[in-house]
PDB file of N, CA and C in Angstrom:
ATOM      1  N   MET A   1       0.835  -1.181   0.000  1.00  0.00           N
ATOM      2  CA  MET A   1       0.000   0.000   0.000  1.00  0.00           C
ATOM      3  C   MET A   1       0.883   1.249   0.000  1.00  0.00           C
ATOM      4  N   ARG A   2       0.583   2.192  -0.850  1.00  0.00           N
ATOM      5  CA  ARG A   2       1.375   3.409  -0.955  1.00  0.00           C
ATOM      6  C   ARG A   2       0.925   4.441   0.059  1.00  0.00           C
ATOM      7  N   LYS A   3       1.879   5.181   0.535  1.00  0.00           N
ATOM      8  CA  LYS A   3       1.571   6.283   1.434  1.00  0.00           C
ATOM      9  C   LYS A   3       1.064   7.462   0.621  1.00  0.00           C
ATOM     10  N   ASN A   4       0.297   8.320   1.253  1.00  0.00           N
ATOM     11  CA  ASN A   4      -0.240   9.498   0.595  1.00  0.00           C
ATOM     12  C   ASN A   4       0.898  10.384   0.079  1.00  0.00           C
ATOM     13  N   GLY A   5       0.883  10.727  -1.184  1.00  0.00           N
ATOM     14  CA  GLY A   5       1.899  11.597  -1.759  1.00  0.00           C
ATOM     15  C   GLY A   5       3.111  10.875  -2.330  1.00  0.00           C
ATOM     16  N   GLU A   6       3.217   9.564  -2.125  1.00  0.00           N
ATOM     17  CA  GLU A   6       4.403   8.843  -2.589  1.00  0.00           C
ATOM     18  C   GLU A   6       4.574   8.852  -4.109  1.00  0.00           C
ATOM     19  N   PRO A   7       3.507   8.682  -4.917  1.00  0.00           N
ATOM     20  CA  PRO A   7       3.718   8.757  -6.372  1.00  0.00           C
ATOM     21  C   PRO A   7       4.300  10.101  -6.806  1.00  0.00           C
ATOM     22  N   GLY A   8       3.880  11.190  -6.170  1.00  0.00           N
ATOM     23  CA  GLY A   8       4.430  12.507  -6.481  1.00  0.00           C
ATOM     24  C   GLY A   8       5.890  12.616  -6.105  1.00  0.00           C
ATOM     25  N   ARG A   9       6.289  11.964  -5.021  1.00  0.00           N
ATOM     26  CA  ARG A   9       7.693  11.967  -4.605  1.00  0.00           C
ATOM     27  C   ARG A   9       8.559  11.223  -5.613  1.00  0.00           C
ATOM     28  N   TRP A  10       8.046  10.122  -6.156  1.00  0.00           N
ATOM     29  CA  TRP A  10       8.810   9.373  -7.150  1.00  0.00           C
ATOM     30  C   TRP A  10       8.961  10.182  -8.439  1.00  0.00           C
ATOM     31  N   LEU A  11       7.922  10.881  -8.822  1.00  0.00           N
ATOM     32  CA  LEU A  11       8.004  11.720 -10.019  1.00  0.00           C
ATOM     33  C   LEU A  11       9.017  12.842  -9.822  1.00  0.00           C
ATOM     34  N   PHE A  12       8.970  13.502  -8.676  1.00  0.00           N
ATOM     35  CA  PHE A  12       9.924  14.567  -8.390  1.00  0.00           C
ATOM     36  C   PHE A  12      11.342  14.009  -8.344  1.00  0.00           C
ATOM     37  N   THR A  13      11.522  12.835  -7.744  1.00  0.00           N
ATOM     38  CA  THR A  13      12.844  12.200  -7.685  1.00  0.00           C
ATOM     39  C   THR A  13      13.365  11.920  -9.094  1.00  0.00           C
ATOM     40  N   ALA A  14      12.498  11.450  -9.975  1.00  0.00           N
ATOM     41  CA  ALA A  14      12.901  11.196 -11.369  1.00  0.00           C
ATOM     42  C   ALA A  14      13.308  12.497 -12.058  1.00  0.00           C
ATOM     43  N   GLN A  15      12.602  13.582 -11.781  1.00  0.00           N
ATOM     44  CA  GLN A  15      12.952  14.879 -12.366  1.00  0.00           C
ATOM     45  C   GLN A  15      14.307  15.359 -11.841  1.00  0.00           C
ATOM     46  N   VAL A  16      14.580  15.143 -10.559  1.00  0.00           N
ATOM     47  CA  VAL A  16      15.875  15.529  -9.975  1.00  0.00           C
ATOM     48  C   VAL A  16      16.995  14.723 -10.620  1.00  0.00           C
ATOM     49  N   ILE A  17      16.786  13.427 -10.784  1.00  0.00           N
ATOM     50  CA  ILE A  17      17.799  12.579 -11.419  1.00  0.00           C
ATOM     51  C   ILE A  17      18.078  13.053 -12.839  1.00  0.00           C
ATOM     52  N   ALA A  18      17.030  13.327 -13.605  1.00  0.00           N
ATOM     53  CA  ALA A  18      17.203  13.790 -14.983  1.00  0.00           C
ATOM     54  C   ALA A  18      17.954  15.118 -15.026  1.00  0.00           C
ATOM     55  N   ALA A  19      17.622  16.039 -14.127  1.00  0.00           N
ATOM     56  CA  ALA A  19      18.287  17.346 -14.098  1.00  0.00           C
ATOM     57  C   ALA A  19      19.740  17.213 -13.653  1.00  0.00           C
ATOM     58  N   ALA A  20      20.035  16.241 -12.792  1.00  0.00           N
ATOM     59  CA  ALA A  20      21.420  16.024 -12.359  1.00  0.00           C
ATOM     60  C   ALA A  20      22.260  15.441 -13.491  1.00  0.00           C
ATOM     61  N   LEU A  21      21.659  14.598 -14.307  1.00  0.00           N
ATOM     62  CA  LEU A  21      22.389  13.985 -15.412  1.00  0.00           C
ATOM     63  C   LEU A  21      22.539  14.921 -16.604  1.00  0.00           C
ATOM     64  N   VAL A  22      21.499  15.681 -16.908  1.00  0.00           N
ATOM     65  CA  VAL A  22      21.508  16.566 -18.066  1.00  0.00           C
ATOM     66  C   VAL A  22      21.003  17.940 -17.632  1.00  0.00           C
ATOM     67  N   PRO A  23      21.850  18.727 -16.964  1.00  0.00           N
ATOM     68  CA  PRO A  23      21.392  20.045 -16.505  1.00  0.00           C
ATOM     69  C   PRO A  23      21.137  20.982 -17.684  1.00  0.00           C
ATOM     70  N   GLY A  24      20.231  21.910 -17.469  1.00  0.00           N
ATOM     71  CA  GLY A  24      19.940  22.880 -18.519  1.00  0.00           C
ATOM     72  C   GLY A  24      18.848  22.437 -19.464  1.00  0.00           C
ATOM     73  N   ARG A  25      18.336  21.248 -19.286  1.00  0.00           N
ATOM     74  CA  ARG A  25      17.259  20.753 -20.146  1.00  0.00           C
ATOM     75  C   ARG A  25      15.972  20.606 -19.341  1.00  0.00           C
ATOM     76  N   VAL A  26      15.732  21.592 -18.513  1.00  0.00           N
ATOM     77  CA  VAL A  26      14.559  21.563 -17.647  1.00  0.00           C
ATOM     78  C   VAL A  26      13.367  22.133 -18.402  1.00  0.00           C
ATOM     79  N   ILE A  27      12.238  21.459 -18.279  1.00  0.00           N
ATOM     80  CA  ILE A  27      11.023  21.943 -18.920  1.00  0.00           C
ATOM     81  C   ILE A  27      10.515  23.148 -18.146  1.00  0.00           C
ATOM     82  N   GLY A  28      10.196  24.209 -18.845  1.00  0.00           N
ATOM     83  CA  GLY A  28       9.708  25.424 -18.204  1.00  0.00           C
ATOM     84  C   GLY A  28      10.856  26.391 -17.961  1.00  0.00           C
ATOM     85  N   ARG A  29      10.511  27.614 -17.634  1.00  0.00           N
ATOM     86  CA  ARG A  29      11.531  28.636 -17.374  1.00  0.00           C
ATOM     87  C   ARG A  29      11.308  29.190 -15.979  1.00  0.00           C
ATOM     88  N   HIS A  30      12.320  29.038 -15.174  1.00  0.00           N
ATOM     89  CA  HIS A  30      12.276  29.560 -13.815  1.00  0.00           C
ATOM     90  C   HIS A  30      13.548  30.345 -13.590  1.00  0.00           C
ATOM     91  N   GLY A  31      13.433  31.517 -13.023  1.00  0.00           N
ATOM     92  CA  GLY A  31      14.608  32.327 -12.754  1.00  0.00           C
ATOM     93  C   GLY A  31      15.411  31.773 -11.596  1.00  0.00           C
ATOM     94  N   LEU A  32      16.711  31.945 -11.650  1.00  0.00           N
ATOM     95  CA  LEU A  32      17.574  31.522 -10.551  1.00  0.00           C
ATOM     96  C   LEU A  32      17.444  32.494  -9.398  1.00  0.00           C
ATOM     97  N   GLU A  33      17.404  31.951  -8.200  1.00  0.00           N
ATOM     98  CA  GLU A  33      17.396  32.766  -6.998  1.00  0.00           C
ATOM     99  C   GLU A  33      18.820  32.801  -6.469  1.00  0.00           C
ATOM    100  N   SER A  34      19.212  33.886  -5.880  1.00  0.00           N
ATOM    101  CA  SER A  34      20.513  33.895  -5.225  1.00  0.00           C
ATOM    102  C   SER A  34      20.345  33.229  -3.867  1.00  0.00           C
ATOM    103  N   ALA A  35      21.445  32.847  -3.261  1.00  0.00           N
ATOM    104  CA  ALA A  35      21.395  32.181  -1.959  1.00  0.00           C
ATOM    105  C   ALA A  35      20.693  33.071  -0.933  1.00  0.00           C
ATOM    106  N   ALA A  36      20.797  34.387  -1.082  1.00  0.00           N
ATOM    107  CA  ALA A  36      20.170  35.303  -0.133  1.00  0.00           C
ATOM    108  C   ALA A  36      18.647  35.248  -0.225  1.00  0.00           C
ATOM    109  N   GLN A  37      18.098  34.844  -1.366  1.00  0.00           N
ATOM    110  CA  GLN A  37      16.655  34.807  -1.560  1.00  0.00           C
ATOM    111  C   GLN A  37      16.040  33.467  -1.184  1.00  0.00           C
ATOM    112  N   LEU A  38      16.853  32.494  -0.860  1.00  0.00           N
ATOM    113  CA  LEU A  38      16.359  31.155  -0.562  1.00  0.00           C
ATOM    114  C   LEU A  38      15.972  31.019   0.900  1.00  0.00           C
ATOM    115  N   THR A  39      15.170  30.024   1.165  1.00  0.00           N
ATOM    116  CA  THR A  39      14.738  29.741   2.527  1.00  0.00           C
ATOM    117  C   THR A  39      15.795  28.909   3.235  1.00  0.00           C
ATOM    118  N   TRP A  40      16.154  29.339   4.435  1.00  0.00           N
ATOM    119  CA  TRP A  40      17.070  28.572   5.272  1.00  0.00           C
ATOM    120  C   TRP A  40      16.235  27.793   6.270  1.00  0.00           C
ATOM    121  N   GLY A  41      16.454  26.486   6.340  1.00  0.00           N
ATOM    122  CA  GLY A  41      15.737  25.651   7.291  1.00  0.00           C
ATOM    123  C   GLY A  41      16.358  25.732   8.671  1.00  0.00           C
ATOM    124  N   GLU A  42      15.672  25.164   9.638  1.00  0.00           N
ATOM    125  CA  GLU A  42      16.181  25.142  11.007  1.00  0.00           C
ATOM    126  C   GLU A  42      17.491  24.364  11.110  1.00  0.00           C
ATOM    127  N   SER A  43      17.700  23.440  10.184  1.00  0.00           N
ATOM    128  CA  SER A  43      18.912  22.622  10.201  1.00  0.00           C
ATOM    129  C   SER A  43      20.121  23.359   9.640  1.00  0.00           C
ATOM    130  N   GLY A  44      19.928  24.571   9.104  1.00  0.00           N
ATOM    131  CA  GLY A  44      21.029  25.334   8.529  1.00  0.00           C
ATOM    132  C   GLY A  44      21.275  25.016   7.069  1.00  0.00           C
ATOM    133  N   TYR A  45      20.355  24.318   6.423  1.00  0.00           N
ATOM    134  CA  TYR A  45      20.480  23.968   5.011  1.00  0.00           C
ATOM    135  C   TYR A  45      19.569  24.863   4.178  1.00  0.00           C
ATOM    136  N   LEU A  46      20.035  25.234   2.989  1.00  0.00           N
ATOM    137  CA  LEU A  46      19.195  25.976   2.049  1.00  0.00           C
ATOM    138  C   LEU A  46      18.082  25.068   1.548  1.00  0.00           C
ATOM    139  N   GLN A  47      16.898  25.648   1.349  1.00  0.00           N
ATOM    140  CA  GLN A  47      15.764  24.878   0.852  1.00  0.00           C
ATOM    141  C   GLN A  47      15.142  25.597  -0.337  1.00  0.00           C
ATOM    142  N   PRO A  48      15.670  25.367  -1.554  1.00  0.00           N
ATOM    143  CA  PRO A  48      15.072  26.021  -2.719  1.00  0.00           C
ATOM    144  C   PRO A  48      13.683  25.458  -2.995  1.00  0.00           C
ATOM    145  N   ALA A  49      12.842  26.257  -3.599  1.00  0.00           N
ATOM    146  CA  ALA A  49      11.513  25.797  -3.988  1.00  0.00           C
ATOM    147  C   ALA A  49      11.673  24.681  -5.023  1.00  0.00           C
ATOM    148  N   PRO A  50      10.813  23.667  -4.974  1.00  0.00           N
ATOM    149  CA  PRO A  50      10.941  22.545  -5.915  1.00  0.00           C
ATOM    150  C   PRO A  50      10.986  22.979  -7.378  1.00  0.00           C
ATOM    151  N   GLU A  51      10.204  24.020  -7.725  1.00  0.00           N
ATOM    152  CA  GLU A  51      10.170  24.444  -9.130  1.00  0.00           C
ATOM    153  C   GLU A  51      11.459  25.122  -9.575  1.00  0.00           C
ATOM    154  N   THR A  52      12.260  25.649  -8.656  1.00  0.00           N
ATOM    155  CA  THR A  52      13.524  26.267  -9.055  1.00  0.00           C
ATOM    156  C   THR A  52      14.726  25.364  -8.783  1.00  0.00           C
ATOM    157  N   LEU A  53      14.534  24.331  -7.981  1.00  0.00           N
ATOM    158  CA  LEU A  53      15.643  23.428  -7.669  1.00  0.00           C
ATOM    159  C   LEU A  53      16.231  22.821  -8.934  1.00  0.00           C
ATOM    160  N   LEU A  54      15.379  22.406  -9.846  1.00  0.00           N
ATOM    161  CA  LEU A  54      15.860  21.744 -11.061  1.00  0.00           C
ATOM    162  C   LEU A  54      16.752  22.675 -11.874  1.00  0.00           C
ATOM    163  N   VAL A  55      16.485  23.955 -11.840  1.00  0.00           N
ATOM    164  CA  VAL A  55      17.332  24.928 -12.530  1.00  0.00           C
ATOM    165  C   VAL A  55      18.646  25.092 -11.777  1.00  0.00           C
ATOM    166  N   HIS A  56      18.585  25.121 -10.454  1.00  0.00           N
ATOM    167  CA  HIS A  56      19.789  25.281  -9.640  1.00  0.00           C
ATOM    168  C   HIS A  56      20.784  24.140  -9.838  1.00  0.00           C
ATOM    169  N   LEU A  57      20.310  22.961 -10.187  1.00  0.00           N
ATOM    170  CA  LEU A  57      21.225  21.840 -10.386  1.00  0.00           C
ATOM    171  C   LEU A  57      22.193  22.109 -11.534  1.00  0.00           C
ATOM    172  N   GLY A  58      21.860  23.014 -12.421  1.00  0.00           N
ATOM    173  CA  GLY A  58      22.758  23.386 -13.513  1.00  0.00           C
ATOM    174  C   GLY A  58      23.981  24.144 -13.039  1.00  0.00           C
ATOM    175  N   ASP A  59      23.875  24.857 -11.935  1.00  0.00           N
ATOM    176  CA  ASP A  59      25.010  25.599 -11.376  1.00  0.00           C
ATOM    177  C   ASP A  59      24.840  25.724  -9.865  1.00  0.00           C
ATOM    178  N   LEU A  60      25.256  24.708  -9.158  1.00  0.00           N
ATOM    179  CA  LEU A  60      25.132  24.693  -7.699  1.00  0.00           C
ATOM    180  C   LEU A  60      26.077  25.670  -7.022  1.00  0.00           C
ATOM    181  N   ARG A  61      27.083  26.164  -7.757  1.00  0.00           N
ATOM    182  CA  ARG A  61      28.017  27.137  -7.165  1.00  0.00           C
ATOM    183  C   ARG A  61      27.314  28.430  -6.780  1.00  0.00           C
ATOM    184  N   ALA A  62      26.168  28.715  -7.398  1.00  0.00           N
ATOM    185  CA  ALA A  62      25.405  29.915  -7.058  1.00  0.00           C
ATOM    186  C   ALA A  62      24.821  29.840  -5.651  1.00  0.00           C
ATOM    187  N   LEU A  63      24.808  28.654  -5.070  1.00  0.00           N
ATOM    188  CA  LEU A  63      24.220  28.454  -3.741  1.00  0.00           C
ATOM    189  C   LEU A  63      25.260  28.320  -2.636  1.00  0.00           C
ATOM    190  N   VAL A  64      26.514  28.576  -2.960  1.00  0.00           N
ATOM    191  CA  VAL A  64      27.597  28.451  -1.979  1.00  0.00           C
ATOM    192  C   VAL A  64      27.574  29.642  -1.033  1.00  0.00           C
ATOM    193  N   ASP A  65      27.833  29.377   0.250  1.00  0.00           N
ATOM    194  CA  ASP A  65      27.842  30.473   1.232  1.00  0.00           C
ATOM    195  C   ASP A  65      29.203  31.164   1.268  1.00  0.00           C
ATOM    196  N   GLY A  66      29.376  32.136   2.139  1.00  0.00           N
ATOM    197  CA  GLY A  66      30.601  32.917   2.240  1.00  0.00           C
ATOM    198  C   GLY A  66      31.816  32.094   2.654  1.00  0.00           C
ATOM    199  N   LYS A  67      31.589  30.943   3.272  1.00  0.00           N
ATOM    200  CA  LYS A  67      32.693  30.067   3.688  1.00  0.00           C
ATOM    201  C   LYS A  67      32.990  29.005   2.630  1.00  0.00           C
ATOM    202  N   LEU A  68      32.401  29.179   1.448  1.00  0.00           N
ATOM    203  CA  LEU A  68      32.575  28.264   0.314  1.00  0.00           C
ATOM    204  C   LEU A  68      32.040  26.858   0.598  1.00  0.00           C
ATOM    205  N   HIS A  69      30.960  26.802   1.357  1.00  0.00           N
ATOM    206  CA  HIS A  69      30.282  25.545   1.639  1.00  0.00           C
ATOM    207  C   HIS A  69      28.905  25.555   0.978  1.00  0.00           C
ATOM    208  N   LEU A  70      28.504  24.389   0.542  1.00  0.00           N
ATOM    209  CA  LEU A  70      27.155  24.204   0.029  1.00  0.00           C
ATOM    210  C   LEU A  70      26.417  23.311   1.012  1.00  0.00           C
ATOM    211  N   ARG A  71      25.280  23.761   1.482  1.00  0.00           N
ATOM    212  CA  ARG A  71      24.425  22.976   2.374  1.00  0.00           C
ATOM    213  C   ARG A  71      23.006  23.115   1.830  1.00  0.00           C
ATOM    214  N   LEU A  72      22.522  22.039   1.232  1.00  0.00           N
ATOM    215  CA  LEU A  72      21.268  22.083   0.497  1.00  0.00           C
ATOM    216  C   LEU A  72      20.361  20.952   0.972  1.00  0.00           C
ATOM    217  N   PHE A  73      19.087  21.268   1.201  1.00  0.00           N
ATOM    218  CA  PHE A  73      18.094  20.260   1.551  1.00  0.00           C
ATOM    219  C   PHE A  73      17.086  20.181   0.417  1.00  0.00           C
ATOM    220  N   ILE A  74      16.893  18.985  -0.106  1.00  0.00           N
ATOM    221  CA  ILE A  74      15.949  18.771  -1.197  1.00  0.00           C
ATOM    222  C   ILE A  74      14.753  18.019  -0.631  1.00  0.00           C
ATOM    223  N   LYS A  75      13.736  18.785  -0.286  1.00  0.00           N
ATOM    224  CA  LYS A  75      12.548  18.231   0.348  1.00  0.00           C
ATOM    225  C   LYS A  75      11.797  17.322  -0.613  1.00  0.00           C
ATOM    226  N   GLU A  76      11.290  16.213  -0.086  1.00  0.00           N
ATOM    227  CA  GLU A  76      10.471  15.242  -0.823  1.00  0.00           C
ATOM    228  C   GLU A  76      11.249  14.428  -1.849  1.00  0.00           C
ATOM    229  N   CYS A  77      12.558  14.544  -1.892  1.00  0.00           N
ATOM    230  CA  CYS A  77      13.370  13.765  -2.827  1.00  0.00           C
ATOM    231  C   CYS A  77      13.762  12.450  -2.152  1.00  0.00           C
ATOM    232  N   LEU A  78      13.628  11.356  -2.873  1.00  0.00           N
ATOM    233  CA  LEU A  78      13.902  10.031  -2.321  1.00  0.00           C
ATOM    234  C   LEU A  78      15.365   9.623  -2.513  1.00  0.00           C
ATOM    235  N   ALA A  79      15.794   8.654  -1.731  1.00  0.00           N
ATOM    236  CA  ALA A  79      17.187   8.207  -1.692  1.00  0.00           C
ATOM    237  C   ALA A  79      17.788   7.796  -3.041  1.00  0.00           C
ATOM    238  N   PRO A  80      17.055   7.199  -3.977  1.00  0.00           N
ATOM    239  CA  PRO A  80      17.686   6.816  -5.249  1.00  0.00           C
ATOM    240  C   PRO A  80      18.327   7.975  -6.018  1.00  0.00           C
ATOM    241  N   ALA A  81      17.970   9.206  -5.727  1.00  0.00           N
ATOM    242  CA  ALA A  81      18.562  10.358  -6.422  1.00  0.00           C
ATOM    243  C   ALA A  81      19.940  10.728  -5.864  1.00  0.00           C
ATOM    244  N   ALA A  82      20.285  10.257  -4.687  1.00  0.00           N
ATOM    245  CA  ALA A  82      21.529  10.669  -4.019  1.00  0.00           C
ATOM    246  C   ALA A  82      22.790  10.465  -4.874  1.00  0.00           C
ATOM    247  N   PRO A  83      23.023   9.286  -5.472  1.00  0.00           N
ATOM    248  CA  PRO A  83      24.249   9.139  -6.270  1.00  0.00           C
ATOM    249  C   PRO A  83      24.314  10.084  -7.467  1.00  0.00           C
ATOM    250  N   PHE A  84      23.176  10.402  -8.038  1.00  0.00           N
ATOM    251  CA  PHE A  84      23.139  11.313  -9.180  1.00  0.00           C
ATOM    252  C   PHE A  84      23.444  12.745  -8.743  1.00  0.00           C
ATOM    253  N   LEU A  85      22.973  13.112  -7.572  1.00  0.00           N
ATOM    254  CA  LEU A  85      23.280  14.435  -7.030  1.00  0.00           C
ATOM    255  C   LEU A  85      24.769  14.545  -6.694  1.00  0.00           C
ATOM    256  N   LEU A  86      25.340  13.480  -6.149  1.00  0.00           N
ATOM    257  CA  LEU A  86      26.784  13.485  -5.870  1.00  0.00           C
ATOM    258  C   LEU A  86      27.583  13.596  -7.162  1.00  0.00           C
ATOM    259  N   PHE A  87      27.135  12.907  -8.194  1.00  0.00           N
ATOM    260  CA  PHE A  87      27.771  13.013  -9.511  1.00  0.00           C
ATOM    261  C   PHE A  87      27.773  14.464  -9.986  1.00  0.00           C
ATOM    262  N   ARG A  88      26.622  15.151  -9.858  1.00  0.00           N
ATOM    263  CA  ARG A  88      26.512  16.542 -10.306  1.00  0.00           C
ATOM    264  C   ARG A  88      27.455  17.437  -9.510  1.00  0.00           C
ATOM    265  N   LEU A  89      27.540  17.225  -8.189  1.00  0.00           N
ATOM    266  CA  LEU A  89      28.444  18.023  -7.360  1.00  0.00           C
ATOM    267  C   LEU A  89      29.896  17.840  -7.800  1.00  0.00           C
ATOM    268  N   LYS A  90      30.324  16.602  -7.983  1.00  0.00           N
ATOM    269  CA  LYS A  90      31.707  16.337  -8.390  1.00  0.00           C
ATOM    270  C   LYS A  90      31.977  16.915  -9.773  1.00  0.00           C
ATOM    271  N   ARG A  91      30.998  16.823 -10.643  1.00  0.00           N
ATOM    272  CA  ARG A  91      31.145  17.331 -12.000  1.00  0.00           C
ATOM    273  C   ARG A  91      31.346  18.846 -12.008  1.00  0.00           C
ATOM    274  N   GLN A  92      30.775  19.531 -11.012  1.00  0.00           N
ATOM    275  CA  GLN A  92      30.900  20.976 -10.921  1.00  0.00           C
ATOM    276  C   GLN A  92      32.096  21.399 -10.070  1.00  0.00           C
ATOM    277  N   GLY A  93      32.940  20.450  -9.682  1.00  0.00           N
ATOM    278  CA  GLY A  93      34.186  20.788  -9.010  1.00  0.00           C
ATOM    279  C   GLY A  93      34.132  20.844  -7.494  1.00  0.00           C
ATOM    280  N   PHE A  94      33.077  20.341  -6.888  1.00  0.00           N
ATOM    281  CA  PHE A  94      32.982  20.332  -5.439  1.00  0.00           C
ATOM    282  C   PHE A  94      33.803  19.184  -4.860  1.00  0.00           C
ATOM    283  N   SER A  95      34.233  19.359  -3.624  1.00  0.00           N
ATOM    284  CA  SER A  95      34.932  18.286  -2.916  1.00  0.00           C
ATOM    285  C   SER A  95      34.213  18.024  -1.591  1.00  0.00           C
ATOM    286  N   ARG A  96      34.616  16.966  -0.930  1.00  0.00           N
ATOM    287  CA  ARG A  96      34.010  16.562   0.346  1.00  0.00           C
ATOM    288  C   ARG A  96      32.484  16.501   0.237  1.00  0.00           C
ATOM    289  N   CYS A  97      32.026  15.906  -0.846  1.00  0.00           N
ATOM    290  CA  CYS A  97      30.596  15.819  -1.128  1.00  0.00           C
ATOM    291  C   CYS A  97      29.950  14.733  -0.270  1.00  0.00           C
ATOM    292  N   ARG A  98      28.777  15.047   0.230  1.00  0.00           N
ATOM    293  CA  ARG A  98      28.068  14.107   1.087  1.00  0.00           C
ATOM    294  C   ARG A  98      26.567  14.255   0.855  1.00  0.00           C
ATOM    295  N   ALA A  99      25.885  13.122   0.766  1.00  0.00           N
ATOM    296  CA  ALA A  99      24.433  13.106   0.644  1.00  0.00           C
ATOM    297  C   ALA A  99      23.885  12.209   1.741  1.00  0.00           C
ATOM    298  N   GLU A 100      22.900  12.715   2.441  1.00  0.00           N
ATOM    299  CA  GLU A 100      22.266  11.940   3.509  1.00  0.00           C
ATOM    300  C   GLU A 100      20.768  11.893   3.223  1.00  0.00           C
ATOM    301  N   ALA A 101      20.280  10.689   3.008  1.00  0.00           N
ATOM    302  CA  ALA A 101      18.862  10.516   2.734  1.00  0.00           C
ATOM    303  C   ALA A 101      18.111  10.380   4.061  1.00  0.00           C
ATOM    304  N   ALA A 102      17.065  11.147   4.198  1.00  0.00           N
ATOM    305  CA  ALA A 102      16.214  11.104   5.383  1.00  0.00           C
ATOM    306  C   ALA A 102      14.771  10.918   4.920  1.00  0.00           C
ATOM    307  N   ARG A 103      13.899  10.674   5.839  1.00  0.00           N
ATOM    308  CA  ARG A 103      12.494  10.460   5.502  1.00  0.00           C
ATOM    309  C   ARG A 103      11.900  11.662   4.770  1.00  0.00           C
ATOM    310  N   GLU A 104      12.308  12.867   5.172  1.00  0.00           N
ATOM    311  CA  GLU A 104      11.720  14.074   4.587  1.00  0.00           C
ATOM    312  C   GLU A 104      12.402  14.549   3.307  1.00  0.00           C
ATOM    313  N   GLY A 105      13.570  14.002   2.967  1.00  0.00           N
ATOM    314  CA  GLY A 105      14.265  14.409   1.751  1.00  0.00           C
ATOM    315  C   GLY A 105      15.741  14.085   1.817  1.00  0.00           C
ATOM    316  N   ILE A 106      16.545  14.762   0.987  1.00  0.00           N
ATOM    317  CA  ILE A 106      17.988  14.520   0.925  1.00  0.00           C
ATOM    318  C   ILE A 106      18.728  15.777   1.359  1.00  0.00           C
ATOM    319  N   TYR A 107      19.697  15.585   2.237  1.00  0.00           N
ATOM    320  CA  TYR A 107      20.578  16.662   2.682  1.00  0.00           C
ATOM    321  C   TYR A 107      21.889  16.531   1.917  1.00  0.00           C
ATOM    322  N   LEU A 108      22.302  17.599   1.247  1.00  0.00           N
ATOM    323  CA  LEU A 108      23.576  17.613   0.515  1.00  0.00           C
ATOM    324  C   LEU A 108      24.516  18.602   1.164  1.00  0.00           C
ATOM    325  N   SER A 109      25.788  18.227   1.234  1.00  0.00           N
ATOM    326  CA  SER A 109      26.805  19.179   1.694  1.00  0.00           C
ATOM    327  C   SER A 109      28.064  18.944   0.870  1.00  0.00           C
ATOM    328  N   ALA A 110      28.805  20.033   0.638  1.00  0.00           N
ATOM    329  CA  ALA A 110      30.027  19.953  -0.143  1.00  0.00           C
ATOM    330  C   ALA A 110      30.814  21.243   0.062  1.00  0.00           C
ATOM    331  N   GLU A 111      32.057  21.242  -0.413  1.00  0.00           N
ATOM    332  CA  GLU A 111      32.915  22.410  -0.355  1.00  0.00           C
ATOM    333  C   GLU A 111      33.465  22.710  -1.738  1.00  0.00           C
ATOM    334  N   VAL A 112      33.735  23.973  -1.982  1.00  0.00           N
ATOM    335  CA  VAL A 112      34.312  24.367  -3.280  1.00  0.00           C
ATOM    336  C   VAL A 112      35.796  24.136  -3.220  1.00  0.00           C
TER     337      VAL A 112
END
């Protein structure tokens, strides 16, 4: 039996995987937000809106803080997307990349 909202989570996870593999081919046009315009969660991780997250995967360096760290929370994203997100981080030149899958989503951290 599926939990309420689970099919939507799988669809969003598939979209995240596709955007991590082929950035810049996102359906629709959404403007990039600067890190200052994003929501910071209680955990200290940036939480971009789902509709702009897929665009941000094209250039995650735009979300780096003043200490050259990236701390990103992807709400509602399931664990199978984690290796693809790590691939995207490494491809963009990040080091010390880490993905932690939790019930509520995926926490990403890395350094430039």
